[in-house]
């Protein structure tokens, strides 16, 4: 279960992935629906970036969501996602592998 700290929102990783996949693959939407989709994607980005550690699947989802927002002119979400992903990569490199070694 993914848990964001500020509002104590519980949502499963699978739910985040399904919501994002639905929006990102739905194609061109009417303006009012596109605005709603942008708000949902922004919220997903916020949820993922508040996790202490994200799985590779969530990091890929984050990248796709950030690209979606960048295309729509929301550079701040793109930058937020990029910073979080880089921090995750550094953290994983600094943590020794738990497998044989």
PDB file of N, CA and C in Angstrom:
ATOM      1  N   UNK A   1       0.841  -1.186   0.000  1.00  0.00           N
ATOM      2  CA  UNK A   1       0.000   0.000   0.000  1.00  0.00           C
ATOM      3  C   UNK A   1       0.879   1.240   0.000  1.00  0.00           C
ATOM      4  N   UNK A   2       0.672   2.104  -0.929  1.00  0.00           N
ATOM      5  CA  UNK A   2       1.389   3.372  -0.945  1.00  0.00           C
ATOM      6  C   UNK A   2       0.683   4.297   0.040  1.00  0.00           C
ATOM      7  N   UNK A   3       1.451   5.032   0.805  1.00  0.00           N
ATOM      8  CA  UNK A   3       0.844   5.935   1.784  1.00  0.00           C
ATOM      9  C   UNK A   3       1.528   7.285   1.696  1.00  0.00           C
ATOM     10  N   UNK A   4       0.763   8.316   1.405  1.00  0.00           N
ATOM     11  CA  UNK A   4       1.287   9.676   1.391  1.00  0.00           C
ATOM     12  C   UNK A   4       1.123  10.247   2.794  1.00  0.00           C
ATOM     13  N   UNK A   5       2.128  10.951   3.263  1.00  0.00           N
ATOM     14  CA  UNK A   5       2.159  11.346   4.663  1.00  0.00           C
ATOM     15  C   UNK A   5       1.230  12.491   5.053  1.00  0.00           C
ATOM     16  N   UNK A   6       1.107  13.517   4.260  1.00  0.00           N
ATOM     17  CA  UNK A   6       0.410  14.715   4.717  1.00  0.00           C
ATOM     18  C   UNK A   6      -1.062  14.493   5.046  1.00  0.00           C
ATOM     19  N   UNK A   7      -1.802  13.894   4.148  1.00  0.00           N
ATOM     20  CA  UNK A   7      -3.236  13.698   4.378  1.00  0.00           C
ATOM     21  C   UNK A   7      -3.569  12.248   4.691  1.00  0.00           C
ATOM     22  N   UNK A   8      -2.562  11.418   4.858  1.00  0.00           N
ATOM     23  CA  UNK A   8      -2.753  10.011   5.186  1.00  0.00           C
ATOM     24  C   UNK A   8      -3.647   9.310   4.170  1.00  0.00           C
ATOM     25  N   UNK A   9      -3.354   9.517   2.910  1.00  0.00           N
ATOM     26  CA  UNK A   9      -4.107   8.882   1.844  1.00  0.00           C
ATOM     27  C   UNK A   9      -3.510   7.503   1.589  1.00  0.00           C
ATOM     28  N   UNK A  10      -4.356   6.492   1.601  1.00  0.00           N
ATOM     29  CA  UNK A  10      -3.910   5.147   1.288  1.00  0.00           C
ATOM     30  C   UNK A  10      -4.431   4.772  -0.091  1.00  0.00           C
ATOM     31  N   UNK A  11      -3.524   4.364  -0.945  1.00  0.00           N
ATOM     32  CA  UNK A  11      -3.904   3.919  -2.283  1.00  0.00           C
ATOM     33  C   UNK A  11      -2.871   2.887  -2.703  1.00  0.00           C
ATOM     34  N   UNK A  12      -3.322   1.834  -3.304  1.00  0.00           N
ATOM     35  CA  UNK A  12      -2.389   0.781  -3.684  1.00  0.00           C
ATOM     36  C   UNK A  12      -1.580   1.201  -4.907  1.00  0.00           C
ATOM     37  N   UNK A  13      -0.401   0.625  -5.030  1.00  0.00           N
ATOM     38  CA  UNK A  13       0.444   0.878  -6.192  1.00  0.00           C
ATOM     39  C   UNK A  13      -0.322   0.508  -7.460  1.00  0.00           C
ATOM     40  N   UNK A  14      -1.012  -0.616  -7.415  1.00  0.00           N
ATOM     41  CA  UNK A  14      -1.761  -1.074  -8.588  1.00  0.00           C
ATOM     42  C   UNK A  14      -2.837  -0.056  -8.981  1.00  0.00           C
ATOM     43  N   UNK A  15      -3.499   0.548  -7.997  1.00  0.00           N
ATOM     44  CA  UNK A  15      -4.528   1.557  -8.288  1.00  0.00           C
ATOM     45  C   UNK A  15      -3.918   2.786  -8.947  1.00  0.00           C
ATOM     46  N   UNK A  16      -2.778   3.231  -8.447  1.00  0.00           N
ATOM     47  CA  UNK A  16      -2.090   4.377  -9.055  1.00  0.00           C
ATOM     48  C   UNK A  16      -1.755   4.058 -10.504  1.00  0.00           C
ATOM     49  N   UNK A  17      -1.208   2.871 -10.732  1.00  0.00           N
ATOM     50  CA  UNK A  17      -0.819   2.474 -12.088  1.00  0.00           C
ATOM     51  C   UNK A  17      -2.022   2.382 -13.013  1.00  0.00           C
ATOM     52  N   UNK A  18      -3.136   1.847 -12.518  1.00  0.00           N
ATOM     53  CA  UNK A  18      -4.342   1.711 -13.341  1.00  0.00           C
ATOM     54  C   UNK A  18      -4.949   3.066 -13.686  1.00  0.00           C
ATOM     55  N   UNK A  19      -5.010   3.953 -12.719  1.00  0.00           N
ATOM     56  CA  UNK A  19      -5.567   5.293 -12.959  1.00  0.00           C
ATOM     57  C   UNK A  19      -4.722   6.028 -13.994  1.00  0.00           C
ATOM     58  N   UNK A  20      -3.412   6.003 -13.796  1.00  0.00           N
ATOM     59  CA  UNK A  20      -2.517   6.686 -14.730  1.00  0.00           C
ATOM     60  C   UNK A  20      -2.623   6.078 -16.119  1.00  0.00           C
ATOM     61  N   UNK A  21      -2.613   4.759 -16.207  1.00  0.00           N
ATOM     62  CA  UNK A  21      -2.690   4.092 -17.515  1.00  0.00           C
ATOM     63  C   UNK A  21      -3.980   4.456 -18.235  1.00  0.00           C
ATOM     64  N   UNK A  22      -5.073   4.502 -17.512  1.00  0.00           N
ATOM     65  CA  UNK A  22      -6.359   4.849 -18.125  1.00  0.00           C
ATOM     66  C   UNK A  22      -6.320   6.252 -18.734  1.00  0.00           C
ATOM     67  N   UNK A  23      -5.818   7.202 -17.974  1.00  0.00           N
ATOM     68  CA  UNK A  23      -5.774   8.586 -18.454  1.00  0.00           C
ATOM     69  C   UNK A  23      -4.756   8.741 -19.577  1.00  0.00           C
ATOM     70  N   UNK A  24      -3.575   8.157 -19.407  1.00  0.00           N
ATOM     71  CA  UNK A  24      -2.500   8.359 -20.387  1.00  0.00           C
ATOM     72  C   UNK A  24      -2.772   7.659 -21.708  1.00  0.00           C
ATOM     73  N   UNK A  25      -3.616   6.646 -21.711  1.00  0.00           N
ATOM     74  CA  UNK A  25      -3.898   5.930 -22.957  1.00  0.00           C
ATOM     75  C   UNK A  25      -5.250   6.279 -23.562  1.00  0.00           C
ATOM     76  N   UNK A  26      -5.981   7.184 -22.938  1.00  0.00           N
ATOM     77  CA  UNK A  26      -7.340   7.490 -23.406  1.00  0.00           C
ATOM     78  C   UNK A  26      -7.373   8.390 -24.639  1.00  0.00           C
ATOM     79  N   UNK A  27      -6.249   8.947 -25.019  1.00  0.00           N
ATOM     80  CA  UNK A  27      -6.231   9.799 -26.206  1.00  0.00           C
ATOM     81  C   UNK A  27      -6.738  11.200 -25.928  1.00  0.00           C
ATOM     82  N   UNK A  28      -7.040  11.914 -26.998  1.00  0.00           N
ATOM     83  CA  UNK A  28      -7.487  13.303 -26.878  1.00  0.00           C
ATOM     84  C   UNK A  28      -8.842  13.365 -26.183  1.00  0.00           C
ATOM     85  N   UNK A  29      -8.930  14.224 -25.189  1.00  0.00           N
ATOM     86  CA  UNK A  29     -10.162  14.385 -24.418  1.00  0.00           C
ATOM     87  C   UNK A  29     -10.721  15.792 -24.641  1.00  0.00           C
ATOM     88  N   UNK A  30     -12.029  15.956 -24.451  1.00  0.00           N
ATOM     89  CA  UNK A  30     -12.612  17.309 -24.516  1.00  0.00           C
ATOM     90  C   UNK A  30     -11.939  18.199 -23.466  1.00  0.00           C
ATOM     91  N   UNK A  31     -11.925  19.509 -23.681  1.00  0.00           N
ATOM     92  CA  UNK A  31     -11.205  20.416 -22.766  1.00  0.00           C
ATOM     93  C   UNK A  31     -11.542  20.245 -21.284  1.00  0.00           C
ATOM     94  N   UNK A  32     -12.815  20.111 -20.952  1.00  0.00           N
ATOM     95  CA  UNK A  32     -13.167  19.985 -19.530  1.00  0.00           C
ATOM     96  C   UNK A  32     -12.668  18.664 -18.950  1.00  0.00           C
ATOM     97  N   UNK A  33     -12.716  17.609 -19.737  1.00  0.00           N
ATOM     98  CA  UNK A  33     -12.201  16.311 -19.276  1.00  0.00           C
ATOM     99  C   UNK A  33     -10.675  16.341 -19.190  1.00  0.00           C
ATOM    100  N   UNK A  34     -10.032  17.040 -20.122  1.00  0.00           N
ATOM    101  CA  UNK A  34      -8.571  17.136 -20.106  1.00  0.00           C
ATOM    102  C   UNK A  34      -8.107  17.871 -18.849  1.00  0.00           C
ATOM    103  N   UNK A  35      -8.819  18.912 -18.467  1.00  0.00           N
ATOM    104  CA  UNK A  35      -8.473  19.651 -17.246  1.00  0.00           C
ATOM    105  C   UNK A  35      -8.623  18.740 -16.027  1.00  0.00           C
ATOM    106  N   UNK A  36      -9.696  17.967 -15.986  1.00  0.00           N
ATOM    107  CA  UNK A  36      -9.896  17.025 -14.875  1.00  0.00           C
ATOM    108  C   UNK A  36      -8.775  15.980 -14.859  1.00  0.00           C
ATOM    109  N   UNK A  37      -8.399  15.486 -16.039  1.00  0.00           N
ATOM    110  CA  UNK A  37      -7.316  14.504 -16.124  1.00  0.00           C
ATOM    111  C   UNK A  37      -5.996  15.093 -15.640  1.00  0.00           C
ATOM    112  N   UNK A  38      -5.746  16.348 -15.989  1.00  0.00           N
ATOM    113  CA  UNK A  38      -4.521  17.011 -15.528  1.00  0.00           C
ATOM    114  C   UNK A  38      -4.491  17.107 -14.007  1.00  0.00           C
ATOM    115  N   UNK A  39      -5.631  17.407 -13.410  1.00  0.00           N
ATOM    116  CA  UNK A  39      -5.704  17.497 -11.943  1.00  0.00           C
ATOM    117  C   UNK A  39      -5.441  16.131 -11.310  1.00  0.00           C
ATOM    118  N   UNK A  40      -5.974  15.085 -11.916  1.00  0.00           N
ATOM    119  CA  UNK A  40      -5.766  13.735 -11.383  1.00  0.00           C
ATOM    120  C   UNK A  40      -4.307  13.338 -11.521  1.00  0.00           C
ATOM    121  N   UNK A  41      -3.716  13.577 -12.689  1.00  0.00           N
ATOM    122  CA  UNK A  41      -2.307  13.232 -12.912  1.00  0.00           C
ATOM    123  C   UNK A  41      -1.415  14.034 -11.966  1.00  0.00           C
ATOM    124  N   UNK A  42      -1.727  15.301 -11.760  1.00  0.00           N
ATOM    125  CA  UNK A  42      -0.948  16.119 -10.824  1.00  0.00           C
ATOM    126  C   UNK A  42      -1.011  15.512  -9.426  1.00  0.00           C
ATOM    127  N   UNK A  43      -2.171  15.036  -9.045  1.00  0.00           N
ATOM    128  CA  UNK A  43      -2.334  14.416  -7.717  1.00  0.00           C
ATOM    129  C   UNK A  43      -1.551  13.104  -7.627  1.00  0.00           C
ATOM    130  N   UNK A  44      -1.544  12.326  -8.703  1.00  0.00           N
ATOM    131  CA  UNK A  44      -0.767  11.087  -8.708  1.00  0.00           C
ATOM    132  C   UNK A  44       0.721  11.387  -8.570  1.00  0.00           C
ATOM    133  N   UNK A  45       1.186  12.418  -9.276  1.00  0.00           N
ATOM    134  CA  UNK A  45       2.591  12.822  -9.160  1.00  0.00           C
ATOM    135  C   UNK A  45       2.894  13.197  -7.716  1.00  0.00           C
ATOM    136  N   UNK A  46       2.002  13.956  -7.123  1.00  0.00           N
ATOM    137  CA  UNK A  46       2.174  14.374  -5.727  1.00  0.00           C
ATOM    138  C   UNK A  46       2.222  13.164  -4.792  1.00  0.00           C
ATOM    139  N   UNK A  47       1.323  12.212  -4.995  1.00  0.00           N
ATOM    140  CA  UNK A  47       1.308  11.013  -4.149  1.00  0.00           C
ATOM    141  C   UNK A  47       2.599  10.216  -4.280  1.00  0.00           C
ATOM    142  N   UNK A  48       3.037  10.014  -5.514  1.00  0.00           N
ATOM    143  CA  UNK A  48       4.248   9.216  -5.736  1.00  0.00           C
ATOM    144  C   UNK A  48       5.466   9.914  -5.141  1.00  0.00           C
ATOM    145  N   UNK A  49       5.583  11.218  -5.351  1.00  0.00           N
ATOM    146  CA  UNK A  49       6.773  11.927  -4.879  1.00  0.00           C
ATOM    147  C   UNK A  49       6.809  12.086  -3.361  1.00  0.00           C
ATOM    148  N   UNK A  50       5.726  11.787  -2.692  1.00  0.00           N
ATOM    149  CA  UNK A  50       5.733  11.826  -1.219  1.00  0.00           C
ATOM    150  C   UNK A  50       6.099  10.487  -0.604  1.00  0.00           C
ATOM    151  N   UNK A  51       6.191   9.457  -1.420  1.00  0.00           N
ATOM    152  CA  UNK A  51       6.578   8.150  -0.900  1.00  0.00           C
ATOM    153  C   UNK A  51       8.056   8.161  -0.539  1.00  0.00           C
ATOM    154  N   UNK A  52       8.417   7.514   0.559  1.00  0.00           N
ATOM    155  CA  UNK A  52       9.837   7.456   0.919  1.00  0.00           C
ATOM    156  C   UNK A  52      10.646   6.670  -0.113  1.00  0.00           C
ATOM    157  N   UNK A  53      10.011   5.683  -0.733  1.00  0.00           N
ATOM    158  CA  UNK A  53      10.686   4.894  -1.759  1.00  0.00           C
ATOM    159  C   UNK A  53       9.638   4.401  -2.752  1.00  0.00           C
ATOM    160  N   UNK A  54       9.942   4.538  -4.027  1.00  0.00           N
ATOM    161  CA  UNK A  54       9.013   4.100  -5.067  1.00  0.00           C
ATOM    162  C   UNK A  54       9.594   2.911  -5.814  1.00  0.00           C
ATOM    163  N   UNK A  55       8.721   2.002  -6.200  1.00  0.00           N
ATOM    164  CA  UNK A  55       9.139   0.834  -6.975  1.00  0.00           C
ATOM    165  C   UNK A  55       9.516   1.281  -8.389  1.00  0.00           C
ATOM    166  N   UNK A  56      10.237   0.449  -9.113  1.00  0.00           N
ATOM    167  CA  UNK A  56      10.558   0.782 -10.513  1.00  0.00           C
ATOM    168  C   UNK A  56       9.305   1.044 -11.354  1.00  0.00           C
ATOM    169  N   UNK A  57       8.234   0.291 -11.096  1.00  0.00           N
ATOM    170  CA  UNK A  57       6.986   0.508 -11.846  1.00  0.00           C
ATOM    171  C   UNK A  57       6.412   1.900 -11.563  1.00  0.00           C
ATOM    172  N   UNK A  58       6.453   2.312 -10.300  1.00  0.00           N
ATOM    173  CA  UNK A  58       5.949   3.643  -9.960  1.00  0.00           C
ATOM    174  C   UNK A  58       6.844   4.737 -10.541  1.00  0.00           C
ATOM    175  N   UNK A  59       8.152   4.502 -10.569  1.00  0.00           N
ATOM    176  CA  UNK A  59       9.053   5.492 -11.164  1.00  0.00           C
ATOM    177  C   UNK A  59       8.792   5.639 -12.660  1.00  0.00           C
ATOM    178  N   UNK A  60       8.507   4.532 -13.348  1.00  0.00           N
ATOM    179  CA  UNK A  60       8.150   4.614 -14.770  1.00  0.00           C
ATOM    180  C   UNK A  60       6.833   5.356 -14.955  1.00  0.00           C
ATOM    181  N   UNK A  61       5.873   5.064 -14.087  1.00  0.00           N
ATOM    182  CA  UNK A  61       4.583   5.755 -14.122  1.00  0.00           C
ATOM    183  C   UNK A  61       4.779   7.248 -13.882  1.00  0.00           C
ATOM    184  N   UNK A  62       5.616   7.574 -12.912  1.00  0.00           N
ATOM    185  CA  UNK A  62       5.916   8.976 -12.599  1.00  0.00           C
ATOM    186  C   UNK A  62       6.489   9.689 -13.817  1.00  0.00           C
ATOM    187  N   UNK A  63       7.392   9.022 -14.499  1.00  0.00           N
ATOM    188  CA  UNK A  63       7.994   9.596 -15.704  1.00  0.00           C
ATOM    189  C   UNK A  63       6.936   9.854 -16.782  1.00  0.00           C
ATOM    190  N   UNK A  64       6.053   8.889 -16.993  1.00  0.00           N
ATOM    191  CA  UNK A  64       4.983   9.051 -17.991  1.00  0.00           C
ATOM    192  C   UNK A  64       4.033  10.186 -17.608  1.00  0.00           C
ATOM    193  N   UNK A  65       3.684  10.249 -16.332  1.00  0.00           N
ATOM    194  CA  UNK A  65       2.785  11.305 -15.854  1.00  0.00           C
ATOM    195  C   UNK A  65       3.444  12.680 -15.998  1.00  0.00           C
ATOM    196  N   UNK A  66       4.733  12.752 -15.678  1.00  0.00           N
ATOM    197  CA  UNK A  66       5.457  14.024 -15.784  1.00  0.00           C
ATOM    198  C   UNK A  66       5.509  14.491 -17.233  1.00  0.00           C
ATOM    199  N   UNK A  67       5.731  13.563 -18.143  1.00  0.00           N
ATOM    200  CA  UNK A  67       5.769  13.913 -19.569  1.00  0.00           C
ATOM    201  C   UNK A  67       4.400  14.426 -20.029  1.00  0.00           C
ATOM    202  N   UNK A  68       3.329  13.771 -19.579  1.00  0.00           N
ATOM    203  CA  UNK A  68       1.959  14.186 -19.874  1.00  0.00           C
ATOM    204  C   UNK A  68       1.745  15.638 -19.439  1.00  0.00           C
ATOM    205  N   UNK A  69       2.214  15.962 -18.221  1.00  0.00           N
ATOM    206  CA  UNK A  69       2.030  17.315 -17.692  1.00  0.00           C
ATOM    207  C   UNK A  69       2.918  18.321 -18.417  1.00  0.00           C
ATOM    208  N   UNK A  70       4.129  17.917 -18.787  1.00  0.00           N
ATOM    209  CA  UNK A  70       5.035  18.823 -19.494  1.00  0.00           C
ATOM    210  C   UNK A  70       4.441  19.223 -20.839  1.00  0.00           C
ATOM    211  N   UNK A  71       3.867  18.268 -21.541  1.00  0.00           N
ATOM    212  CA  UNK A  71       3.232  18.550 -22.838  1.00  0.00           C
ATOM    213  C   UNK A  71       2.124  19.585 -22.675  1.00  0.00           C
ATOM    214  N   UNK A  72       1.469  19.561 -21.531  1.00  0.00           N
ATOM    215  CA  UNK A  72       0.367  20.497 -21.278  1.00  0.00           C
ATOM    216  C   UNK A  72       0.827  21.788 -20.600  1.00  0.00           C
ATOM    217  N   UNK A  73       2.138  21.983 -20.529  1.00  0.00           N
ATOM    218  CA  UNK A  73       2.669  23.247 -20.032  1.00  0.00           C
ATOM    219  C   UNK A  73       2.866  23.334 -18.535  1.00  0.00           C
ATOM    220  N   UNK A  74       2.811  22.231 -17.848  1.00  0.00           N
ATOM    221  CA  UNK A  74       2.985  22.232 -16.390  1.00  0.00           C
ATOM    222  C   UNK A  74       4.398  21.783 -16.040  1.00  0.00           C
ATOM    223  N   UNK A  75       5.363  22.628 -16.311  1.00  0.00           N
ATOM    224  CA  UNK A  75       6.779  22.313 -16.095  1.00  0.00           C
ATOM    225  C   UNK A  75       7.089  22.002 -14.633  1.00  0.00           C
ATOM    226  N   UNK A  76       6.371  22.625 -13.704  1.00  0.00           N
ATOM    227  CA  UNK A  76       6.657  22.406 -12.282  1.00  0.00           C
ATOM    228  C   UNK A  76       6.464  20.944 -11.882  1.00  0.00           C
ATOM    229  N   UNK A  77       5.437  20.293 -12.424  1.00  0.00           N
ATOM    230  CA  UNK A  77       5.224  18.874 -12.121  1.00  0.00           C
ATOM    231  C   UNK A  77       6.324  18.020 -12.737  1.00  0.00           C
ATOM    232  N   UNK A  78       6.752  18.396 -13.928  1.00  0.00           N
ATOM    233  CA  UNK A  78       7.829  17.675 -14.597  1.00  0.00           C
ATOM    234  C   UNK A  78       9.110  17.779 -13.771  1.00  0.00           C
ATOM    235  N   UNK A  79       9.424  18.994 -13.328  1.00  0.00           N
ATOM    236  CA  UNK A  79      10.638  19.220 -12.536  1.00  0.00           C
ATOM    237  C   UNK A  79      10.579  18.474 -11.203  1.00  0.00           C
ATOM    238  N   UNK A  80       9.423  18.514 -10.549  1.00  0.00           N
ATOM    239  CA  UNK A  80       9.238  17.822  -9.267  1.00  0.00           C
ATOM    240  C   UNK A  80       9.495  16.315  -9.437  1.00  0.00           C
ATOM    241  N   UNK A  81       8.951  15.746 -10.489  1.00  0.00           N
ATOM    242  CA  UNK A  81       9.123  14.316 -10.750  1.00  0.00           C
ATOM    243  C   UNK A  81      10.578  13.983 -11.064  1.00  0.00           C
ATOM    244  N   UNK A  82      11.227  14.837 -11.829  1.00  0.00           N
ATOM    245  CA  UNK A  82      12.624  14.612 -12.205  1.00  0.00           C
ATOM    246  C   UNK A  82      13.531  14.630 -10.969  1.00  0.00           C
ATOM    247  N   UNK A  83      13.312  15.577 -10.083  1.00  0.00           N
ATOM    248  CA  UNK A  83      14.103  15.682  -8.845  1.00  0.00           C
ATOM    249  C   UNK A  83      13.882  14.441  -7.980  1.00  0.00           C
ATOM    250  N   UNK A  84      12.639  14.021  -7.832  1.00  0.00           N
ATOM    251  CA  UNK A  84      12.329  12.850  -7.017  1.00  0.00           C
ATOM    252  C   UNK A  84      12.989  11.596  -7.598  1.00  0.00           C
ATOM    253  N   UNK A  85      12.865  11.396  -8.907  1.00  0.00           N
ATOM    254  CA  UNK A  85      13.445  10.208  -9.548  1.00  0.00           C
ATOM    255  C   UNK A  85      14.961  10.183  -9.376  1.00  0.00           C
ATOM    256  N   UNK A  86      15.597  11.331  -9.519  1.00  0.00           N
ATOM    257  CA  UNK A  86      17.053  11.385  -9.349  1.00  0.00           C
ATOM    258  C   UNK A  86      17.435  11.067  -7.903  1.00  0.00           C
ATOM    259  N   UNK A  87      16.676  11.571  -6.950  1.00  0.00           N
ATOM    260  CA  UNK A  87      16.928  11.281  -5.535  1.00  0.00           C
ATOM    261  C   UNK A  87      16.766   9.783  -5.266  1.00  0.00           C
ATOM    262  N   UNK A  88      15.772   9.159  -5.884  1.00  0.00           N
ATOM    263  CA  UNK A  88      15.561   7.717  -5.728  1.00  0.00           C
ATOM    264  C   UNK A  88      16.737   6.932  -6.309  1.00  0.00           C
ATOM    265  N   UNK A  89      17.217   7.350  -7.483  1.00  0.00           N
ATOM    266  CA  UNK A  89      18.348   6.666  -8.109  1.00  0.00           C
ATOM    267  C   UNK A  89      19.592   6.765  -7.231  1.00  0.00           C
ATOM    268  N   UNK A  90      19.862   7.954  -6.704  1.00  0.00           N
ATOM    269  CA  UNK A  90      21.022   8.136  -5.819  1.00  0.00           C
ATOM    270  C   UNK A  90      20.890   7.277  -4.569  1.00  0.00           C
ATOM    271  N   UNK A  91      19.712   7.228  -4.005  1.00  0.00           N
ATOM    272  CA  UNK A  91      19.463   6.450  -2.800  1.00  0.00           C
ATOM    273  C   UNK A  91      19.714   4.965  -3.058  1.00  0.00           C
ATOM    274  N   UNK A  92      19.263   4.478  -4.191  1.00  0.00           N
ATOM    275  CA  UNK A  92      19.445   3.066  -4.516  1.00  0.00           C
ATOM    276  C   UNK A  92      20.918   2.743  -4.767  1.00  0.00           C
ATOM    277  N   UNK A  93      21.672   3.680  -5.351  1.00  0.00           N
ATOM    278  CA  UNK A  93      23.101   3.458  -5.578  1.00  0.00           C
ATOM    279  C   UNK A  93      23.871   3.457  -4.263  1.00  0.00           C
ATOM    280  N   UNK A  94      23.424   4.270  -3.318  1.00  0.00           N
ATOM    281  CA  UNK A  94      24.125   4.389  -2.034  1.00  0.00           C
ATOM    282  C   UNK A  94      23.822   3.204  -1.115  1.00  0.00           C
ATOM    283  N   UNK A  95      22.700   2.529  -1.333  1.00  0.00           N
ATOM    284  CA  UNK A  95      22.315   1.390  -0.499  1.00  0.00           C
ATOM    285  C   UNK A  95      22.933   0.124  -1.052  1.00  0.00           C
ATOM    286  N   UNK A  96      23.732  -0.568  -0.247  1.00  0.00           N
ATOM    287  CA  UNK A  96      24.342  -1.810  -0.741  1.00  0.00           C
ATOM    288  C   UNK A  96      23.285  -2.845  -1.074  1.00  0.00           C
ATOM    289  N   UNK A  97      23.563  -3.651  -2.073  1.00  0.00           N
ATOM    290  CA  UNK A  97      22.641  -4.693  -2.503  1.00  0.00           C
ATOM    291  C   UNK A  97      22.461  -5.726  -1.404  1.00  0.00           C
ATOM    292  N   UNK A  98      21.241  -6.225  -1.251  1.00  0.00           N
ATOM    293  CA  UNK A  98      20.960  -7.223  -0.232  1.00  0.00           C
ATOM    294  C   UNK A  98      21.259  -8.625  -0.749  1.00  0.00           C
ATOM    295  N   UNK A  99      21.434  -8.764  -2.069  1.00  0.00           N
ATOM    296  CA  UNK A  99      21.753 -10.074  -2.656  1.00  0.00           C
ATOM    297  C   UNK A  99      23.239 -10.305  -2.589  1.00  0.00           C
ATOM    298  N   UNK A 100      23.606 -11.537  -2.370  1.00  0.00           N
ATOM    299  CA  UNK A 100      24.992 -12.008  -2.268  1.00  0.00           C
ATOM    300  C   UNK A 100      26.065 -10.954  -2.469  1.00  0.00           C
ATOM    301  N   UNK A 101      27.003 -10.690  -1.872  1.00  0.00           N
ATOM    302  CA  UNK A 101      27.919  -9.612  -2.185  1.00  0.00           C
ATOM    303  C   UNK A 101      28.720  -9.185  -1.041  1.00  0.00           C
TER     304      UNK A 101
END
